[in-house]
PDB file of N, CA and C in Angstrom:
ATOM      1  N   MET A   1       0.823  -1.192   0.000  1.00  0.00           N
ATOM      2  CA  MET A   1       0.000   0.000   0.000  1.00  0.00           C
ATOM      3  C   MET A   1       0.867   1.257   0.000  1.00  0.00           C
ATOM      4  N   LYS A   2       1.942   1.237   0.801  1.00  0.00           N
ATOM      5  CA  LYS A   2       2.827   2.385   0.884  1.00  0.00           C
ATOM      6  C   LYS A   2       3.516   2.639  -0.460  1.00  0.00           C
ATOM      7  N   LEU A   3       3.900   1.580  -1.161  1.00  0.00           N
ATOM      8  CA  LEU A   3       4.542   1.704  -2.456  1.00  0.00           C
ATOM      9  C   LEU A   3       3.591   2.333  -3.477  1.00  0.00           C
ATOM     10  N   ILE A   4       2.337   1.929  -3.454  1.00  0.00           N
ATOM     11  CA  ILE A   4       1.345   2.494  -4.373  1.00  0.00           C
ATOM     12  C   ILE A   4       1.147   3.977  -4.078  1.00  0.00           C
ATOM     13  N   PHE A   5       1.068   4.337  -2.790  1.00  0.00           N
ATOM     14  CA  PHE A   5       0.886   5.734  -2.413  1.00  0.00           C
ATOM     15  C   PHE A   5       2.076   6.573  -2.881  1.00  0.00           C
ATOM     16  N   SER A   6       3.287   6.063  -2.705  1.00  0.00           N
ATOM     17  CA  SER A   6       4.492   6.788  -3.122  1.00  0.00           C
ATOM     18  C   SER A   6       4.511   6.970  -4.635  1.00  0.00           C
ATOM     19  N   PHE A   7       4.158   5.921  -5.363  1.00  0.00           N
ATOM     20  CA  PHE A   7       4.109   6.015  -6.818  1.00  0.00           C
ATOM     21  C   PHE A   7       3.090   7.057  -7.259  1.00  0.00           C
ATOM     22  N   CYS A   8       1.911   7.057  -6.636  1.00  0.00           N
ATOM     23  CA  CYS A   8       0.867   8.035  -6.964  1.00  0.00           C
ATOM     24  C   CYS A   8       1.322   9.449  -6.623  1.00  0.00           C
ATOM     25  N   SER A   9       1.993   9.611  -5.504  1.00  0.00           N
ATOM     26  CA  SER A   9       2.498  10.932  -5.104  1.00  0.00           C
ATOM     27  C   SER A   9       3.518  11.429  -6.119  1.00  0.00           C
ATOM     28  N   LEU A  10       4.417  10.552  -6.527  1.00  0.00           N
ATOM     29  CA  LEU A  10       5.427  10.919  -7.503  1.00  0.00           C
ATOM     30  C   LEU A  10       4.783  11.282  -8.838  1.00  0.00           C
ATOM     31  N   LEU A  11       3.828  10.487  -9.267  1.00  0.00           N
ATOM     32  CA  LEU A  11       3.138  10.745 -10.527  1.00  0.00           C
ATOM     33  C   LEU A  11       2.416  12.087 -10.476  1.00  0.00           C
ATOM     34  N   CYS A  12       1.717  12.368  -9.390  1.00  0.00           N
ATOM     35  CA  CYS A  12       1.015  13.652  -9.235  1.00  0.00           C
ATOM     36  C   CYS A  12       1.998  14.812  -9.264  1.00  0.00           C
ATOM     37  N   PHE A  13       3.133  14.658  -8.597  1.00  0.00           N
ATOM     38  CA  PHE A  13       4.148  15.703  -8.588  1.00  0.00           C
ATOM     39  C   PHE A  13       4.673  15.964  -9.999  1.00  0.00           C
ATOM     40  N   LEU A  14       4.982  14.909 -10.735  1.00  0.00           N
ATOM     41  CA  LEU A  14       5.491  15.067 -12.099  1.00  0.00           C
ATOM     42  C   LEU A  14       4.466  15.724 -13.014  1.00  0.00           C
ATOM     43  N   LEU A  15       3.210  15.334 -12.885  1.00  0.00           N
ATOM     44  CA  LEU A  15       2.161  15.952 -13.695  1.00  0.00           C
ATOM     45  C   LEU A  15       1.990  17.418 -13.343  1.00  0.00           C
ATOM     46  N   LEU A  16       2.070  17.734 -12.061  1.00  0.00           N
ATOM     47  CA  LEU A  16       1.960  19.109 -11.619  1.00  0.00           C
ATOM     48  C   LEU A  16       3.101  19.943 -12.186  1.00  0.00           C
ATOM     49  N   MET A  17       4.305  19.413 -12.140  1.00  0.00           N
ATOM     50  CA  MET A  17       5.464  20.136 -12.662  1.00  0.00           C
ATOM     51  C   MET A  17       5.358  20.323 -14.174  1.00  0.00           C
ATOM     52  N   ALA A  18       4.890  19.320 -14.865  1.00  0.00           N
ATOM     53  CA  ALA A  18       4.724  19.441 -16.318  1.00  0.00           C
ATOM     54  C   ALA A  18       3.704  20.511 -16.634  1.00  0.00           C
ATOM     55  N   GLY A  19       2.618  20.566 -15.887  1.00  0.00           N
ATOM     56  CA  GLY A  19       1.598  21.601 -16.085  1.00  0.00           C
ATOM     57  C   GLY A  19       2.134  22.976 -15.800  1.00  0.00           C
ATOM     58  N   CYS A  20       2.969  23.119 -14.789  1.00  0.00           N
ATOM     59  CA  CYS A  20       3.554  24.410 -14.444  1.00  0.00           C
ATOM     60  C   CYS A  20       4.462  24.906 -15.554  1.00  0.00           C
ATOM     61  N   GLN A  21       5.207  24.003 -16.161  1.00  0.00           N
ATOM     62  CA  GLN A  21       6.109  24.409 -17.229  1.00  0.00           C
ATOM     63  C   GLN A  21       5.324  24.866 -18.451  1.00  0.00           C
ATOM     64  N   GLN A  22       4.196  24.265 -18.726  1.00  0.00           N
ATOM     65  CA  GLN A  22       3.424  24.616 -19.907  1.00  0.00           C
ATOM     66  C   GLN A  22       2.602  25.882 -19.704  1.00  0.00           C
ATOM     67  N   SER A  23       2.302  26.238 -18.460  1.00  0.00           N
ATOM     68  CA  SER A  23       1.427  27.371 -18.230  1.00  0.00           C
ATOM     69  C   SER A  23       2.204  28.658 -17.975  1.00  0.00           C
ATOM     70  N   GLY A  24       3.475  28.716 -18.385  1.00  0.00           N
ATOM     71  CA  GLY A  24       4.269  29.917 -18.213  1.00  0.00           C
ATOM     72  C   GLY A  24       3.719  31.062 -19.046  1.00  0.00           C
ATOM     73  N   LYS A  25       4.332  32.208 -18.860  1.00  0.00           N
ATOM     74  CA  LYS A  25       3.886  33.389 -19.590  1.00  0.00           C
ATOM     75  C   LYS A  25       4.134  33.207 -21.085  1.00  0.00           C
ATOM     76  N   PRO A  26       3.246  33.769 -21.916  1.00  0.00           N
ATOM     77  CA  PRO A  26       3.449  33.659 -23.361  1.00  0.00           C
ATOM     78  C   PRO A  26       4.718  34.391 -23.778  1.00  0.00           C
ATOM     79  N   ALA A  27       5.314  33.931 -24.854  1.00  0.00           N
ATOM     80  CA  ALA A  27       6.534  34.549 -25.363  1.00  0.00           C
ATOM     81  C   ALA A  27       6.273  35.982 -25.817  1.00  0.00           C
ATOM     82  N   GLN A  28       5.058  36.259 -26.259  1.00  0.00           N
ATOM     83  CA  GLN A  28       4.710  37.583 -26.768  1.00  0.00           C
ATOM     84  C   GLN A  28       3.471  38.102 -26.039  1.00  0.00           C
ATOM     85  N   HIS A  29       3.564  39.303 -25.495  1.00  0.00           N
ATOM     86  CA  HIS A  29       2.448  39.914 -24.786  1.00  0.00           C
ATOM     87  C   HIS A  29       2.244  41.300 -25.381  1.00  0.00           C
ATOM     88  N   ILE A  30       1.049  41.550 -25.927  1.00  0.00           N
ATOM     89  CA  ILE A  30       0.787  42.805 -26.628  1.00  0.00           C
ATOM     90  C   ILE A  30      -0.527  43.398 -26.142  1.00  0.00           C
ATOM     91  N   ASN A  31      -0.497  44.689 -25.813  1.00  0.00           N
ATOM     92  CA  ASN A  31      -1.707  45.417 -25.449  1.00  0.00           C
ATOM     93  C   ASN A  31      -2.305  46.034 -26.702  1.00  0.00           C
ATOM     94  N   VAL A  32      -3.615  45.882 -26.863  1.00  0.00           N
ATOM     95  CA  VAL A  32      -4.334  46.439 -28.015  1.00  0.00           C
ATOM     96  C   VAL A  32      -5.504  47.250 -27.484  1.00  0.00           C
ATOM     97  N   VAL A  33      -5.665  48.474 -27.990  1.00  0.00           N
ATOM     98  CA  VAL A  33      -6.793  49.320 -27.607  1.00  0.00           C
ATOM     99  C   VAL A  33      -7.656  49.555 -28.840  1.00  0.00           C
ATOM    100  N   MET A  34      -8.954  49.274 -28.703  1.00  0.00           N
ATOM    101  CA  MET A  34      -9.909  49.513 -29.773  1.00  0.00           C
ATOM    102  C   MET A  34     -10.730  50.749 -29.408  1.00  0.00           C
ATOM    103  N   LYS A  35     -11.019  51.570 -30.414  1.00  0.00           N
ATOM    104  CA  LYS A  35     -11.901  52.719 -30.217  1.00  0.00           C
ATOM    105  C   LYS A  35     -12.434  53.123 -31.575  1.00  0.00           C
ATOM    106  N   LYS A  36     -13.564  53.827 -31.554  1.00  0.00           N
ATOM    107  CA  LYS A  36     -14.135  54.263 -32.822  1.00  0.00           C
ATOM    108  C   LYS A  36     -13.091  55.075 -33.560  1.00  0.00           C
ATOM    109  N   TYR A  37     -12.664  54.749 -34.630  1.00  0.00           N
ATOM    110  CA  TYR A  37     -12.827  53.605 -35.507  1.00  0.00           C
ATOM    111  C   TYR A  37     -11.443  53.091 -35.849  1.00  0.00           C
ATOM    112  N   SER A  38     -10.704  52.718 -34.805  1.00  0.00           N
ATOM    113  CA  SER A  38      -9.312  52.331 -35.014  1.00  0.00           C
ATOM    114  C   SER A  38      -8.848  51.284 -34.002  1.00  0.00           C
ATOM    115  N   PHE A  39      -7.684  50.715 -34.317  1.00  0.00           N
ATOM    116  CA  PHE A  39      -6.975  49.793 -33.439  1.00  0.00           C
ATOM    117  C   PHE A  39      -5.626  50.439 -33.124  1.00  0.00           C
ATOM    118  N   GLU A  40      -5.163  50.279 -31.916  1.00  0.00           N
ATOM    119  CA  GLU A  40      -3.835  50.754 -31.553  1.00  0.00           C
ATOM    120  C   GLU A  40      -3.083  49.616 -30.889  1.00  0.00           C
ATOM    121  N   PRO A  41      -2.064  49.046 -31.478  1.00  0.00           N
ATOM    122  CA  PRO A  41      -1.451  49.436 -32.744  1.00  0.00           C
ATOM    123  C   PRO A  41      -2.281  48.952 -33.935  1.00  0.00           C
ATOM    124  N   SER A  42      -2.076  49.601 -35.064  1.00  0.00           N
ATOM    125  CA  SER A  42      -2.832  49.217 -36.269  1.00  0.00           C
ATOM    126  C   SER A  42      -2.197  48.018 -36.969  1.00  0.00           C
ATOM    127  N   VAL A  43      -0.930  47.768 -36.678  1.00  0.00           N
ATOM    128  CA  VAL A  43      -0.241  46.579 -37.184  1.00  0.00           C
ATOM    129  C   VAL A  43       0.313  45.833 -35.969  1.00  0.00           C
ATOM    130  N   ILE A  44      -0.132  44.593 -35.808  1.00  0.00           N
ATOM    131  CA  ILE A  44       0.282  43.755 -34.686  1.00  0.00           C
ATOM    132  C   ILE A  44       1.218  42.691 -35.248  1.00  0.00           C
ATOM    133  N   ARG A  45       2.468  42.684 -34.768  1.00  0.00           N
ATOM    134  CA  ARG A  45       3.467  41.738 -35.276  1.00  0.00           C
ATOM    135  C   ARG A  45       3.750  40.666 -34.229  1.00  0.00           C
ATOM    136  N   VAL A  46       3.665  39.402 -34.672  1.00  0.00           N
ATOM    137  CA  VAL A  46       3.931  38.265 -33.794  1.00  0.00           C
ATOM    138  C   VAL A  46       4.824  37.274 -34.526  1.00  0.00           C
ATOM    139  N   LYS A  47       5.398  36.359 -33.769  1.00  0.00           N
ATOM    140  CA  LYS A  47       6.282  35.333 -34.335  1.00  0.00           C
ATOM    141  C   LYS A  47       5.545  34.005 -34.446  1.00  0.00           C
ATOM    142  N   ALA A  48       5.681  33.358 -35.582  1.00  0.00           N
ATOM    143  CA  ALA A  48       5.075  32.040 -35.786  1.00  0.00           C
ATOM    144  C   ALA A  48       5.669  31.049 -34.798  1.00  0.00           C
ATOM    145  N   GLY A  49       4.807  30.195 -34.253  1.00  0.00           N
ATOM    146  CA  GLY A  49       5.243  29.149 -33.343  1.00  0.00           C
ATOM    147  C   GLY A  49       5.440  29.588 -31.910  1.00  0.00           C
ATOM    148  N   GLN A  50       5.273  30.874 -31.616  1.00  0.00           N
ATOM    149  CA  GLN A  50       5.433  31.376 -30.251  1.00  0.00           C
ATOM    150  C   GLN A  50       4.081  31.761 -29.677  1.00  0.00           C
ATOM    151  N   PRO A  51       3.779  31.342 -28.446  1.00  0.00           N
ATOM    152  CA  PRO A  51       2.503  31.703 -27.824  1.00  0.00           C
ATOM    153  C   PRO A  51       2.358  33.217 -27.704  1.00  0.00           C
ATOM    154  N   VAL A  52       1.144  33.696 -27.937  1.00  0.00           N
ATOM    155  CA  VAL A  52       0.838  35.127 -27.907  1.00  0.00           C
ATOM    156  C   VAL A  52      -0.313  35.356 -26.936  1.00  0.00           C
ATOM    157  N   GLU A  53      -0.231  36.449 -26.188  1.00  0.00           N
ATOM    158  CA  GLU A  53      -1.384  36.915 -25.432  1.00  0.00           C
ATOM    159  C   GLU A  53      -1.640  38.354 -25.825  1.00  0.00           C
ATOM    160  N   LEU A  54      -2.824  38.594 -26.385  1.00  0.00           N
ATOM    161  CA  LEU A  54      -3.267  39.949 -26.677  1.00  0.00           C
ATOM    162  C   LEU A  54      -4.199  40.370 -25.551  1.00  0.00           C
ATOM    163  N   ASP A  55      -3.901  41.471 -24.897  1.00  0.00           N
ATOM    164  CA  ASP A  55      -4.804  42.046 -23.901  1.00  0.00           C
ATOM    165  C   ASP A  55      -5.526  43.191 -24.579  1.00  0.00           C
ATOM    166  N   VAL A  56      -6.789  42.950 -24.915  1.00  0.00           N
ATOM    167  CA  VAL A  56      -7.544  43.891 -25.729  1.00  0.00           C
ATOM    168  C   VAL A  56      -8.548  44.637 -24.855  1.00  0.00           C
ATOM    169  N   THR A  57      -8.534  45.965 -24.980  1.00  0.00           N
ATOM    170  CA  THR A  57      -9.483  46.809 -24.263  1.00  0.00           C
ATOM    171  C   THR A  57     -10.148  47.749 -25.256  1.00  0.00           C
ATOM    172  N   THR A  58     -11.223  48.391 -24.814  1.00  0.00           N
ATOM    173  CA  THR A  58     -11.900  49.381 -25.635  1.00  0.00           C
ATOM    174  C   THR A  58     -11.937  50.704 -24.873  1.00  0.00           C
ATOM    175  N   ALA A  59     -11.717  51.783 -25.597  1.00  0.00           N
ATOM    176  CA  ALA A  59     -11.709  53.111 -24.987  1.00  0.00           C
ATOM    177  C   ALA A  59     -13.087  53.756 -25.011  1.00  0.00           C
ATOM    178  N   ASP A  60     -14.076  53.080 -25.612  1.00  0.00           N
ATOM    179  CA  ASP A  60     -15.398  53.706 -25.698  1.00  0.00           C
ATOM    180  C   ASP A  60     -16.534  52.690 -25.587  1.00  0.00           C
ATOM    181  N   VAL A  61     -16.957  52.123 -26.691  1.00  0.00           N
ATOM    182  CA  VAL A  61     -18.124  51.234 -26.724  1.00  0.00           C
ATOM    183  C   VAL A  61     -17.682  49.785 -26.925  1.00  0.00           C
ATOM    184  N   GLN A  62     -18.640  48.862 -26.914  1.00  0.00           N
ATOM    185  CA  GLN A  62     -18.327  47.455 -27.179  1.00  0.00           C
ATOM    186  C   GLN A  62     -17.826  47.305 -28.606  1.00  0.00           C
ATOM    187  N   HIS A  63     -16.802  46.462 -28.745  1.00  0.00           N
ATOM    188  CA  HIS A  63     -16.253  46.123 -30.058  1.00  0.00           C
ATOM    189  C   HIS A  63     -16.087  44.611 -30.115  1.00  0.00           C
ATOM    190  N   GLY A  64     -15.684  44.127 -31.276  1.00  0.00           N
ATOM    191  CA  GLY A  64     -15.352  42.719 -31.436  1.00  0.00           C
ATOM    192  C   GLY A  64     -14.000  42.610 -32.103  1.00  0.00           C
ATOM    193  N   PHE A  65     -13.104  41.794 -31.549  1.00  0.00           N
ATOM    194  CA  PHE A  65     -11.778  41.588 -32.134  1.00  0.00           C
ATOM    195  C   PHE A  65     -11.843  40.312 -32.948  1.00  0.00           C
ATOM    196  N   ASP A  66     -11.896  40.469 -34.270  1.00  0.00           N
ATOM    197  CA  ASP A  66     -12.090  39.329 -35.165  1.00  0.00           C
ATOM    198  C   ASP A  66     -10.939  39.193 -36.166  1.00  0.00           C
ATOM    199  N   VAL A  67     -10.375  37.996 -36.226  1.00  0.00           N
ATOM    200  CA  VAL A  67      -9.397  37.633 -37.257  1.00  0.00           C
ATOM    201  C   VAL A  67      -9.932  36.348 -37.883  1.00  0.00           C
ATOM    202  N   PRO A  68     -10.836  36.476 -38.852  1.00  0.00           N
ATOM    203  CA  PRO A  68     -11.531  35.303 -39.395  1.00  0.00           C
ATOM    204  C   PRO A  68     -10.615  34.186 -39.885  1.00  0.00           C
ATOM    205  N   GLU A  69      -9.514  34.544 -40.545  1.00  0.00           N
ATOM    206  CA  GLU A  69      -8.618  33.521 -41.109  1.00  0.00           C
ATOM    207  C   GLU A  69      -7.918  32.691 -40.039  1.00  0.00           C
ATOM    208  N   LEU A  70      -7.852  33.211 -38.800  1.00  0.00           N
ATOM    209  CA  LEU A  70      -7.213  32.469 -37.715  1.00  0.00           C
ATOM    210  C   LEU A  70      -8.227  31.933 -36.704  1.00  0.00           C
ATOM    211  N   GLY A  71      -9.515  32.134 -37.000  1.00  0.00           N
ATOM    212  CA  GLY A  71     -10.550  31.614 -36.117  1.00  0.00           C
ATOM    213  C   GLY A  71     -10.699  32.387 -34.812  1.00  0.00           C
ATOM    214  N   ILE A  72     -10.257  33.641 -34.791  1.00  0.00           N
ATOM    215  CA  ILE A  72     -10.359  34.463 -33.580  1.00  0.00           C
ATOM    216  C   ILE A  72     -11.584  35.352 -33.701  1.00  0.00           C
ATOM    217  N   LYS A  73     -12.453  35.280 -32.690  1.00  0.00           N
ATOM    218  CA  LYS A  73     -13.672  36.094 -32.653  1.00  0.00           C
ATOM    219  C   LYS A  73     -14.013  36.322 -31.179  1.00  0.00           C
ATOM    220  N   GLU A  74     -13.670  37.507 -30.660  1.00  0.00           N
ATOM    221  CA  GLU A  74     -13.842  37.793 -29.242  1.00  0.00           C
ATOM    222  C   GLU A  74     -14.544  39.137 -29.046  1.00  0.00           C
ATOM    223  N   ALA A  75     -15.499  39.161 -28.141  1.00  0.00           N
ATOM    224  CA  ALA A  75     -16.155  40.410 -27.756  1.00  0.00           C
ATOM    225  C   ALA A  75     -15.248  41.172 -26.798  1.00  0.00           C
ATOM    226  N   VAL A  76     -15.250  42.490 -26.933  1.00  0.00           N
ATOM    227  CA  VAL A  76     -14.455  43.347 -26.057  1.00  0.00           C
ATOM    228  C   VAL A  76     -15.407  44.359 -25.423  1.00  0.00           C
ATOM    229  N   GLN A  77     -15.579  44.241 -24.110  1.00  0.00           N
ATOM    230  CA  GLN A  77     -16.532  45.065 -23.363  1.00  0.00           C
ATOM    231  C   GLN A  77     -15.824  46.264 -22.734  1.00  0.00           C
ATOM    232  N   PRO A  78     -16.497  47.417 -22.680  1.00  0.00           N
ATOM    233  CA  PRO A  78     -15.915  48.568 -21.988  1.00  0.00           C
ATOM    234  C   PRO A  78     -15.624  48.237 -20.522  1.00  0.00           C
ATOM    235  N   GLY A  79     -14.483  48.715 -20.026  1.00  0.00           N
ATOM    236  CA  GLY A  79     -14.122  48.512 -18.630  1.00  0.00           C
ATOM    237  C   GLY A  79     -13.537  47.153 -18.312  1.00  0.00           C
ATOM    238  N   LYS A  80     -13.382  46.302 -19.307  1.00  0.00           N
ATOM    239  CA  LYS A  80     -12.834  44.961 -19.087  1.00  0.00           C
ATOM    240  C   LYS A  80     -11.719  44.700 -20.101  1.00  0.00           C
ATOM    241  N   THR A  81     -10.782  43.855 -19.690  1.00  0.00           N
ATOM    242  CA  THR A  81      -9.725  43.427 -20.604  1.00  0.00           C
ATOM    243  C   THR A  81     -10.072  42.030 -21.102  1.00  0.00           C
ATOM    244  N   THR A  82     -10.005  41.857 -22.406  1.00  0.00           N
ATOM    245  CA  THR A  82     -10.230  40.546 -23.011  1.00  0.00           C
ATOM    246  C   THR A  82      -8.868  39.970 -23.376  1.00  0.00           C
ATOM    247  N   ALA A  83      -8.501  38.855 -22.755  1.00  0.00           N
ATOM    248  CA  ALA A  83      -7.228  38.195 -23.048  1.00  0.00           C
ATOM    249  C   ALA A  83      -7.460  37.178 -24.164  1.00  0.00           C
ATOM    250  N   ILE A  84      -6.727  37.347 -25.236  1.00  0.00           N
ATOM    251  CA  ILE A  84      -6.823  36.431 -26.379  1.00  0.00           C
ATOM    252  C   ILE A  84      -5.489  35.702 -26.480  1.00  0.00           C
ATOM    253  N   ASN A  85      -5.513  34.397 -26.234  1.00  0.00           N
ATOM    254  CA  ASN A  85      -4.305  33.579 -26.258  1.00  0.00           C
ATOM    255  C   ASN A  85      -4.341  32.638 -27.461  1.00  0.00           C
ATOM    256  N   PHE A  86      -3.237  32.618 -28.200  1.00  0.00           N
ATOM    257  CA  PHE A  86      -3.138  31.715 -29.340  1.00  0.00           C
ATOM    258  C   PHE A  86      -1.673  31.535 -29.709  1.00  0.00           C
ATOM    259  N   THR A  87      -1.401  30.523 -30.497  1.00  0.00           N
ATOM    260  CA  THR A  87      -0.062  30.291 -31.035  1.00  0.00           C
ATOM    261  C   THR A  87      -0.188  30.237 -32.552  1.00  0.00           C
ATOM    262  N   PRO A  88       0.252  31.290 -33.240  1.00  0.00           N
ATOM    263  CA  PRO A  88       0.132  31.293 -34.702  1.00  0.00           C
ATOM    264  C   PRO A  88       1.081  30.272 -35.326  1.00  0.00           C
ATOM    265  N   THR A  89       0.580  29.531 -36.288  1.00  0.00           N
ATOM    266  CA  THR A  89       1.401  28.515 -36.945  1.00  0.00           C
ATOM    267  C   THR A  89       1.676  28.840 -38.408  1.00  0.00           C
ATOM    268  N   VAL A  90       0.879  29.733 -38.974  1.00  0.00           N
ATOM    269  CA  VAL A  90       1.005  30.074 -40.391  1.00  0.00           C
ATOM    270  C   VAL A  90       1.499  31.510 -40.520  1.00  0.00           C
ATOM    271  N   LYS A  91       2.568  31.692 -41.287  1.00  0.00           N
ATOM    272  CA  LYS A  91       3.080  33.041 -41.521  1.00  0.00           C
ATOM    273  C   LYS A  91       2.212  33.752 -42.548  1.00  0.00           C
ATOM    274  N   GLY A  92       2.120  35.072 -42.416  1.00  0.00           N
ATOM    275  CA  GLY A  92       1.363  35.848 -43.379  1.00  0.00           C
ATOM    276  C   GLY A  92       0.756  37.083 -42.738  1.00  0.00           C
ATOM    277  N   GLU A  93      -0.046  37.787 -43.533  1.00  0.00           N
ATOM    278  CA  GLU A  93      -0.746  38.970 -43.061  1.00  0.00           C
ATOM    279  C   GLU A  93      -2.235  38.661 -43.019  1.00  0.00           C
ATOM    280  N   PHE A  94      -2.863  38.981 -41.892  1.00  0.00           N
ATOM    281  CA  PHE A  94      -4.262  38.649 -41.677  1.00  0.00           C
ATOM    282  C   PHE A  94      -5.022  39.907 -41.261  1.00  0.00           C
ATOM    283  N   GLY A  95      -6.181  40.086 -41.850  1.00  0.00           N
ATOM    284  CA  GLY A  95      -7.008  41.237 -41.528  1.00  0.00           C
ATOM    285  C   GLY A  95      -7.670  41.096 -40.167  1.00  0.00           C
ATOM    286  N   VAL A  96      -7.667  42.197 -39.411  1.00  0.00           N
ATOM    287  CA  VAL A  96      -8.357  42.273 -38.127  1.00  0.00           C
ATOM    288  C   VAL A  96      -9.488  43.265 -38.319  1.00  0.00           C
ATOM    289  N   LYS A  97     -10.666  42.884 -37.862  1.00  0.00           N
ATOM    290  CA  LYS A  97     -11.802  43.796 -38.007  1.00  0.00           C
ATOM    291  C   LYS A  97     -12.615  43.814 -36.723  1.00  0.00           C
ATOM    292  N   CYS A  98     -13.460  44.819 -36.627  1.00  0.00           N
ATOM    293  CA  CYS A  98     -14.378  44.912 -35.500  1.00  0.00           C
ATOM    294  C   CYS A  98     -15.599  44.063 -35.834  1.00  0.00           C
ATOM    295  N   GLY A  99     -15.944  43.168 -34.929  1.00  0.00           N
ATOM    296  CA  GLY A  99     -17.050  42.254 -35.168  1.00  0.00           C
ATOM    297  C   GLY A  99     -18.382  42.717 -34.608  1.00  0.00           C
ATOM    298  N   VAL A 100     -18.427  43.946 -34.068  1.00  0.00           N
ATOM    299  CA  VAL A 100     -19.661  44.492 -33.503  1.00  0.00           C
ATOM    300  C   VAL A 100     -19.906  45.847 -34.156  1.00  0.00           C
ATOM    301  N   ILE A 101     -21.077  46.052 -34.708  1.00  0.00           N
ATOM    302  CA  ILE A 101     -21.375  47.336 -35.339  1.00  0.00           C
ATOM    303  C   ILE A 101     -21.294  48.422 -34.274  1.00  0.00           C
ATOM    304  N   CYS A 102     -20.338  49.340 -34.461  1.00  0.00           N
ATOM    305  CA  CYS A 102     -20.019  50.315 -33.418  1.00  0.00           C
ATOM    306  C   CYS A 102     -20.279  51.753 -33.841  1.00  0.00           C
ATOM    307  N   GLY A 103     -20.846  51.967 -35.016  1.00  0.00           N
ATOM    308  CA  GLY A 103     -21.139  53.320 -35.464  1.00  0.00           C
ATOM    309  C   GLY A 103     -21.064  53.428 -36.975  1.00  0.00           C
ATOM    310  N   PRO A 104     -21.228  54.653 -37.497  1.00  0.00           N
ATOM    311  CA  PRO A 104     -21.323  54.836 -38.950  1.00  0.00           C
ATOM    312  C   PRO A 104     -20.047  54.489 -39.722  1.00  0.00           C
ATOM    313  N   HIS A 105     -18.889  54.503 -39.083  1.00  0.00           N
ATOM    314  CA  HIS A 105     -17.649  54.173 -39.793  1.00  0.00           C
ATOM    315  C   HIS A 105     -17.099  52.811 -39.379  1.00  0.00           C
ATOM    316  N   HIS A 106     -17.979  51.958 -38.889  1.00  0.00           N
ATOM    317  CA  HIS A 106     -17.613  50.608 -38.447  1.00  0.00           C
ATOM    318  C   HIS A 106     -16.864  49.840 -39.537  1.00  0.00           C
ATOM    319  N   ASP A 107     -17.311  49.946 -40.776  1.00  0.00           N
ATOM    320  CA  ASP A 107     -16.692  49.196 -41.874  1.00  0.00           C
ATOM    321  C   ASP A 107     -15.250  49.633 -42.157  1.00  0.00           C
ATOM    322  N   ASP A 108     -14.889  50.834 -41.692  1.00  0.00           N
ATOM    323  CA  ASP A 108     -13.534  51.334 -41.910  1.00  0.00           C
ATOM    324  C   ASP A 108     -12.568  50.902 -40.800  1.00  0.00           C
ATOM    325  N   MET A 109     -13.103  50.285 -39.762  1.00  0.00           N
ATOM    326  CA  MET A 109     -12.289  49.899 -38.612  1.00  0.00           C
ATOM    327  C   MET A 109     -11.550  48.614 -38.925  1.00  0.00           C
ATOM    328  N   ALA A 110     -10.226  48.730 -39.144  1.00  0.00           N
ATOM    329  CA  ALA A 110      -9.440  47.559 -39.535  1.00  0.00           C
ATOM    330  C   ALA A 110      -8.011  47.698 -39.025  1.00  0.00           C
ATOM    331  N   ALA A 111      -7.371  46.556 -38.866  1.00  0.00           N
ATOM    332  CA  ALA A 111      -5.969  46.478 -38.497  1.00  0.00           C
ATOM    333  C   ALA A 111      -5.380  45.275 -39.214  1.00  0.00           C
ATOM    334  N   LYS A 112      -4.095  45.028 -38.971  1.00  0.00           N
ATOM    335  CA  LYS A 112      -3.431  43.909 -39.615  1.00  0.00           C
ATOM    336  C   LYS A 112      -2.642  43.146 -38.562  1.00  0.00           C
ATOM    337  N   LEU A 113      -2.747  41.814 -38.609  1.00  0.00           N
ATOM    338  CA  LEU A 113      -1.961  40.927 -37.762  1.00  0.00           C
ATOM    339  C   LEU A 113      -0.927  40.269 -38.669  1.00  0.00           C
ATOM    340  N   VAL A 114       0.348  40.551 -38.420  1.00  0.00           N
ATOM    341  CA  VAL A 114       1.421  40.012 -39.242  1.00  0.00           C
ATOM    342  C   VAL A 114       2.133  38.921 -38.450  1.00  0.00           C
ATOM    343  N   VAL A 115       2.108  37.712 -39.004  1.00  0.00           N
ATOM    344  CA  VAL A 115       2.806  36.576 -38.401  1.00  0.00           C
ATOM    345  C   VAL A 115       4.102  36.375 -39.182  1.00  0.00           C
ATOM    346  N   GLU A 116       5.215  36.570 -38.491  1.00  0.00           N
ATOM    347  CA  GLU A 116       6.533  36.511 -39.156  1.00  0.00           C
ATOM    348  C   GLU A 116       7.218  35.179 -38.909  1.00  0.00           C
TER     349      GLU A 116
END
């Protein structure tokens, strides 16, 4: 019984350590501010194969941070930070748009995500 308990304890410890190593901070951390009718920065540069965390906020009304080609579609509420975590695998330039109609120039609200 003692041997089984020790083995289970060791296994739990190893799994815990493996989880800790994987949950480290992303290699790239970028703050993005959305507001009528722009993104800051307007060009977001990231490295392929490296984990990214975008902390997206809005300076005015609700917006949506959408990168359709990468499957990213997140609501961004006033007064809250939306953390978007992903690891880009494909290099290229991808359009970023607002996914929530935010006013008369909503269609002009665009940015670019460049994966290098």
